[in-house]
C-alpha atoms as a PDB file:
ATOM      1  CA  MET A   1      -2.697   6.541 -16.577  1.00  0.00           C
ATOM      2  CA  SER A   2      -1.628   4.227 -19.502  1.00  0.00           C
ATOM      3  CA  VAL A   3      -0.575   0.712 -19.286  1.00  0.00           C
ATOM      4  CA  ASN A   4       1.680  -0.529 -21.687  1.00  0.00           C
ATOM      5  CA  VAL A   5       0.930  -4.569 -22.207  1.00  0.00           C
ATOM      6  CA  ARG A   6       2.723  -7.141 -24.259  1.00  0.00           C
ATOM      7  CA  PRO A   7       2.498 -10.918 -24.095  1.00  0.00           C
ATOM      8  CA  VAL A   8       4.986 -12.897 -22.391  1.00  0.00           C
ATOM      9  CA  ALA A   9       6.333 -16.547 -23.558  1.00  0.00           C
ATOM     10  CA  ALA A  10       8.571 -18.692 -22.593  1.00  0.00           C
ATOM     11  CA  THR A  11      10.815 -21.269 -24.430  1.00  0.00           C
ATOM     12  CA  ASN A  12      13.996 -23.292 -23.917  1.00  0.00           C
ATOM     13  CA  ARG A  13      15.156 -22.365 -27.669  1.00  0.00           C
ATOM     14  CA  ASP A  14      17.449 -19.865 -28.096  1.00  0.00           C
ATOM     15  CA  PRO A  15      15.723 -16.919 -29.564  1.00  0.00           C
ATOM     16  CA  LYS A  16      18.156 -15.423 -31.984  1.00  0.00           C
ATOM     17  CA  GLU A  17      18.659 -18.613 -33.064  1.00  0.00           C
ATOM     18  CA  ALA A  18      14.885 -19.266 -33.760  1.00  0.00           C
ATOM     19  CA  ILE A  19      14.674 -15.767 -35.500  1.00  0.00           C
ATOM     20  CA  ALA A  20      17.714 -16.882 -37.792  1.00  0.00           C
ATOM     21  CA  GLU A  21      15.821 -20.117 -38.437  1.00  0.00           C
ATOM     22  CA  GLY A  22      12.540 -18.168 -39.330  1.00  0.00           C
ATOM     23  CA  ARG A  23      10.626 -19.521 -36.454  1.00  0.00           C
ATOM     24  CA  LEU A  24      10.616 -16.368 -34.485  1.00  0.00           C
ATOM     25  CA  CYS A  25       9.585 -13.174 -35.755  1.00  0.00           C
ATOM     26  CA  PRO A  26      12.281 -10.564 -34.909  1.00  0.00           C
ATOM     27  CA  ASP A  27       9.397  -7.696 -33.418  1.00  0.00           C
ATOM     28  CA  LEU A  28       8.255 -10.398 -31.004  1.00  0.00           C
ATOM     29  CA  HIS A  29      11.713 -10.717 -29.337  1.00  0.00           C
ATOM     30  CA  GLN A  30      12.091  -7.541 -27.153  1.00  0.00           C
ATOM     31  CA  PRO A  31      14.427  -7.973 -24.258  1.00  0.00           C
ATOM     32  CA  ARG A  32      13.337  -5.934 -21.132  1.00  0.00           C
ATOM     33  CA  GLU A  33      14.515  -2.497 -21.026  1.00  0.00           C
ATOM     34  CA  ASP A  34      15.467  -1.993 -17.384  1.00  0.00           C
ATOM     35  CA  GLY A  35      14.853  -5.580 -16.041  1.00  0.00           C
ATOM     36  CA  ALA A  36      11.512  -4.465 -14.007  1.00  0.00           C
ATOM     37  CA  GLU A  37       8.110  -6.366 -14.955  1.00  0.00           C
ATOM     38  CA  VAL A  38       5.269  -7.127 -12.954  1.00  0.00           C
ATOM     39  CA  ARG A  39       3.737 -10.307 -13.497  1.00  0.00           C
ATOM     40  CA  VAL A  40      -0.048 -10.632 -13.564  1.00  0.00           C
ATOM     41  CA  PRO A  41      -2.229 -13.891 -13.579  1.00  0.00           C
ATOM     42  CA  LEU A  42      -4.204 -14.300 -16.624  1.00  0.00           C
ATOM     43  CA  GLY A  43      -7.801 -13.187 -15.906  1.00  0.00           C
ATOM     44  CA  THR A  44      -6.648 -10.214 -13.702  1.00  0.00           C
ATOM     45  CA  SER A  45      -8.576  -7.341 -14.620  1.00  0.00           C
ATOM     46  CA  ILE A  46      -6.569  -3.930 -15.519  1.00  0.00           C
ATOM     47  CA  GLU A  47      -7.903  -2.236 -12.514  1.00  0.00           C
ATOM     48  CA  GLU A  48      -6.226  -4.854 -10.228  1.00  0.00           C
ATOM     49  CA  ALA A  49      -2.688  -4.947 -12.832  1.00  0.00           C
ATOM     50  CA  LYS A  50      -2.651  -1.207 -12.189  1.00  0.00           C
ATOM     51  CA  ARG A  51      -3.019  -1.521  -8.577  1.00  0.00           C
ATOM     52  CA  ARG A  52      -0.305  -4.144  -8.254  1.00  0.00           C
ATOM     53  CA  LEU A  53       2.255  -1.793 -10.739  1.00  0.00           C
ATOM     54  CA  ILE A  54       1.133   1.045  -8.133  1.00  0.00           C
ATOM     55  CA  LEU A  55       2.070  -0.805  -5.165  1.00  0.00           C
ATOM     56  CA  LEU A  56       5.405  -2.569  -6.669  1.00  0.00           C
ATOM     57  CA  THR A  57       6.563   0.878  -7.692  1.00  0.00           C
ATOM     58  CA  LEU A  58       6.310   2.271  -4.331  1.00  0.00           C
ATOM     59  CA  SER A  59       8.115  -0.312  -2.924  1.00  0.00           C
ATOM     60  CA  ARG A  60      10.388  -0.534  -5.090  1.00  0.00           C
ATOM     61  CA  GLU A  61      10.960   3.318  -4.697  1.00  0.00           C
ATOM     62  CA  SER A  62      11.349   2.750  -0.664  1.00  0.00           C
ATOM     63  CA  GLY A  63       7.897   4.378  -0.358  1.00  0.00           C
ATOM     64  CA  LYS A  64       8.638   7.924  -1.785  1.00  0.00           C
ATOM     65  CA  LYS A  65       5.667   8.573  -3.620  1.00  0.00           C
ATOM     66  CA  THR A  66       7.076  11.495  -5.440  1.00  0.00           C
ATOM     67  CA  ARG A  67       9.651   9.170  -7.069  1.00  0.00           C
ATOM     68  CA  GLY A  68       6.806   6.426  -7.381  1.00  0.00           C
ATOM     69  CA  ALA A  69       4.970   9.101  -9.513  1.00  0.00           C
ATOM     70  CA  ALA A  70       7.753   9.986 -11.535  1.00  0.00           C
ATOM     71  CA  ALA A  71       8.504   6.128 -11.912  1.00  0.00           C
ATOM     72  CA  LEU A  72       4.799   5.944 -13.310  1.00  0.00           C
ATOM     73  CA  GLY A  73       4.406   8.681 -15.412  1.00  0.00           C
ATOM     74  CA  ILE A  74       1.771   9.808 -13.401  1.00  0.00           C
ATOM     75  CA  ARG A  75       1.118  13.319 -11.136  1.00  0.00           C
ATOM     76  CA  LEU A  76       1.624  13.025  -7.463  1.00  0.00           C
ATOM     77  CA  LYS A  77      -1.960  13.803  -7.162  1.00  0.00           C
ATOM     78  CA  ALA A  78      -3.315  11.065  -9.127  1.00  0.00           C
ATOM     79  CA  LEU A  79      -1.151   8.875  -6.987  1.00  0.00           C
ATOM     80  CA  HIS A  80      -2.511   9.764  -3.897  1.00  0.00           C
ATOM     81  CA  ASN A  81      -5.765   9.759  -5.078  1.00  0.00           C
ATOM     82  CA  ARG A  82      -5.359   6.067  -5.993  1.00  0.00           C
ATOM     83  CA  LEU A  83      -3.937   5.406  -2.796  1.00  0.00           C
ATOM     84  CA  ASN A  84      -6.556   7.049  -0.728  1.00  0.00           C
ATOM     85  CA  LEU A  85      -9.105   4.592  -3.222  1.00  0.00           C
ATOM     86  CA  TYR A  86      -7.407   1.464  -2.528  1.00  0.00           C
ATOM     87  CA  ARG A  87      -7.503   2.335   1.161  1.00  0.00           C
ATOM     88  CA  SER A  88     -10.836   3.272   1.344  1.00  0.00           C
ATOM     89  CA  GLU A  89     -11.648  -0.497  -0.698  1.00  0.00           C
ATOM     90  CA  ASP A  90      -9.215  -2.364   1.783  1.00  0.00           C
ATOM     91  CA  SER A  91     -11.475  -0.685   4.652  1.00  0.00           C
ATOM     92  CA  GLY A  92     -14.919  -1.143   2.938  1.00  0.00           C
ATOM     93  CA  LEU A  93     -15.523   2.451   2.733  1.00  0.00           C
ATOM     94  CA  VAL A  94     -17.318   4.149  -0.450  1.00  0.00           C
ATOM     95  CA  PRO A  95     -14.668   6.904  -1.681  1.00  0.00           C
ATOM     96  CA  LEU A  96     -16.027  10.502  -2.402  1.00  0.00           C
ATOM     97  CA  GLU A  97     -16.475  11.295  -5.953  1.00  0.00           C
ATOM     98  CA  VAL A  98     -13.868  14.202  -6.709  1.00  0.00           C
ATOM     99  CA  PRO A  99     -15.452  16.357  -9.455  1.00  0.00           C
END
């Protein structure tokens, strides 16, 4: 699974105005494409960010794993493997290695 990360900053200034005045680089101002975002606190590991993304996506897709996998751009089997890993981590069990 690949993760596309971009920094997010907030300002009380109009971004279009700041670009026109040369205070903001135009390629740094990118409106969200579909309105979906996952907020992750600084210092969060990539694995924890992936976990949050997967669980949020499943929630957004009403628990439908096929649709969730498609939205994430991963195979359904990969989603099942991740969910099994999370389940075993939550229960304290060590997951089996899959060749």
